[in-house]
Amino acid sequence: METECPLKDPSSLVLDDASPEEKDRVWLEQVYQGDVVPQLTARAILLGGLLGMLMAVSNLYTALKLGWQFGVAITACVLSYVLSGALRSLSGGRITRMSILENNCMQSTASSAGYATGSTVGAALAALMLLEGGHRSWQTVAVFVFLTAALGVFVAIPFKRQLINTERLPFPSGMAAAETLRSLHSTGLIAIRKARVLVGALWFGGVLGLLRSGPSLSEQLAGSGRPCPWLAKLSSLIPIPEEIPLEGVANPVAPLRLTGLSLEPSAMLVGAGMIMGLRVSLSMLASAALLYYVLVPILLSYDAMHANQAGYVVSLVKNSRGAIHPIRWSLWAGTALMVSSCLASVALRWRVFARAFAWFRPSGPRAGDVLRSVEVPTSWFIAGLVPLTIGMVVLQSMAFGLSIPLGLMTVAASFVVALVSCRATGETDTTPTGAMGKLTQLLYAILPGAAGSASINLISAGTAAAVGASSADLLTDLKSGHLLGANSRKQFLAQLAGVLFGTLAVVPAWFLLVPTREALERFPVPAALMWKAMAEMLTKGIHALPETAVVAMAVGGFLGLVLPLMEEFFPRARPYLPSAMGLGLGLAAPLSNSLSFAIGGLLACAWRRLHAQGAERFLIPLASGLVAGESLLQAFVAMAGSLSGLFPR
């Protein structure tokens, strides 16, 4: 019978108060195997890069659809194992089986390509396109994406030793990815079942996505003169709507219509809710329900009372189709809540925040450091950071109009954002990219030369936020490698290669998915709307906002401060308190998204209660497959429609 032992942090073999050198020595002697087992091989880099290109497109679509990206460490590690095994089978056994560290290296390449390169595109660049009405040149986008992602790789170097080796932060997704890889490389039925569950969920998500998008794709193809009879027939035989309207049964302001008041039969959203967990998903649903069923009726009455008042700014506006768009008002409260909660969390842990910079002391690593040949050296950090900084400053000056001091400030701010993002990810598995981005926008609103320019505000803050998100995700991969005994230098090189693969995929996908501003506006783009709204507010002044939005921002900011304080001083109450990040996200996304997330969270909770062992083994592979399958399919569907529009008959 096969048995599984939980994977433990190897540094737990020594006491918490042991010196960093002692922890490193124990790891090197009892865990490290990076010089014995194959790791950085050509096939690992190539296959990981190709897999990462697909995942980069998937994450770009997810960013446009949902407003944030999902970490792809677990999906990458399982798919890398499945892909390498499939190639070995096709070769008739002539290709040797990949080692566990090769798979980890392949996963690092894929994860770097799939996550690090899309952060800027789906948020800041999308917001810039909404603001300016068109694309920047593909050369500018390509260089910008590569530089921000590569900066994230190098900025993660000084934080790895402090957060992973010394402080031993859990990085839950990294630990889960390492456990999954170890399980897949073990023998027995469980490893086979995990792979089958993920692949099956991926196919299910893809098929469901095809059925849901069939009608809209058929219309796009027909309008471009390239009809697709089989797709139209399939859509009519198995009609699965993209959304199930709730207007007739759950509309609090009928006969008026509300955007987002629907249920999306989406495997991607349900799978995401399963990964997020019940606390965050129910917090999102609670704030979304409060918005739609309490605040919207109150705001409509308030607007009616002040309809003839001179200078009054209406709270709720209608879109081009005549439907009320609650998110355009509520995103201000959601943004304030997320920013203030992030600031409060950092303030409560200021000692830990300061300790993370201890590695920069002039003495640096001691001469007797046992990991000098394994860890990425300071010389690599400097050799990469200097040219990347120069390149970023020159690009921002030539393409976006930033002065040299502002460009240097952008790189400096990236370190602070990255540190906060890495620590949050290490402790909670949640990267507050959006909240830190808004904080950086506030900084650039008062800096000389940046105030009054929305484009400068977006690009500078977007760079810092993208670097932070990239660093946090890459540290998750490095946590997996640390647990498995990998060579950090080799894993770093794999991540750097992944940046190149991801850039090659994300840039053309961006132009194909959204060839025009009108195509971009067909996506919900909640993150881009938040970035754009914040930039416009900071350049035009707060008086341009409805007075109710200003009040909502104050309330959201206060709530964002209170919740972290309650969690800090009443830790036992934390499981029963709403998630500040979840509440904020629920105010920045349609109710349809929050409803699907909550369904996923409830399903995961029920599974854990009914069959804890099965959920522990198969929940993450199942949810990851659902997210990857539908998001990949939907991305390719959107690109196919864009191509048909570009090349009509």
Foldseek 3Di string as FASTA:
>chain_A
DDDADAFDQQLVVDDLPDDLLVSLVSLVVPFADAVPADAQDPVLLVLLLVLLLLLQLLQLLCCLFQVHGDQCLQVQLLVLQVVQVVVCVVVVNPDDHHDLNSSLLSSLLSRLLNALQRLLLSFLQLLVCLVPFAHDDLVLSLLLSLLLSLLLLLLLQLLLSVLCSNVNQALPVLSVNLSLSVLLPDDDDLNVVQSVLLQVLLQVLQVVLLLQCLVVLQVLCVVLARHDVVSVVSNVVDPDHQWAACCVPDQQDPPAAEPQRTAGPHLQLLLLLLVVFQQLLVLLLVLLCCQRNPVVVVLVVVCVVCVPPPLFDRQWDADPVRHTYSLLQLLLLLLLLLLLLLVLVCVVPVVSLVVSCVCVPPCHDPPPRPCPVFRDDPVVSVVSPVVSLVSQLVSCCVPPNDHSVLSNVLSVLLSSLLSSQQVCSSHPVDGSLLSQLLVQLVVQCPDPPRNQDLSSSSSSSSSSSSSNRSNNSSSSSVSSCSSNNHRNVSSSVSSSSSSVSSSVSNSVLSCLLDVTSVSSVVHLSLSSSSSSVSSVCSNVHVSVHRPVSVVSSVVSNVNSNVLVVCCVVPVVCNVVDRDSNSSSSSSRDRSNSSVSSNSSNVVLVVCCVVPVVCSSSHSSSSSSSSSSNSSSSNSVSSSVSSVSNVDRD
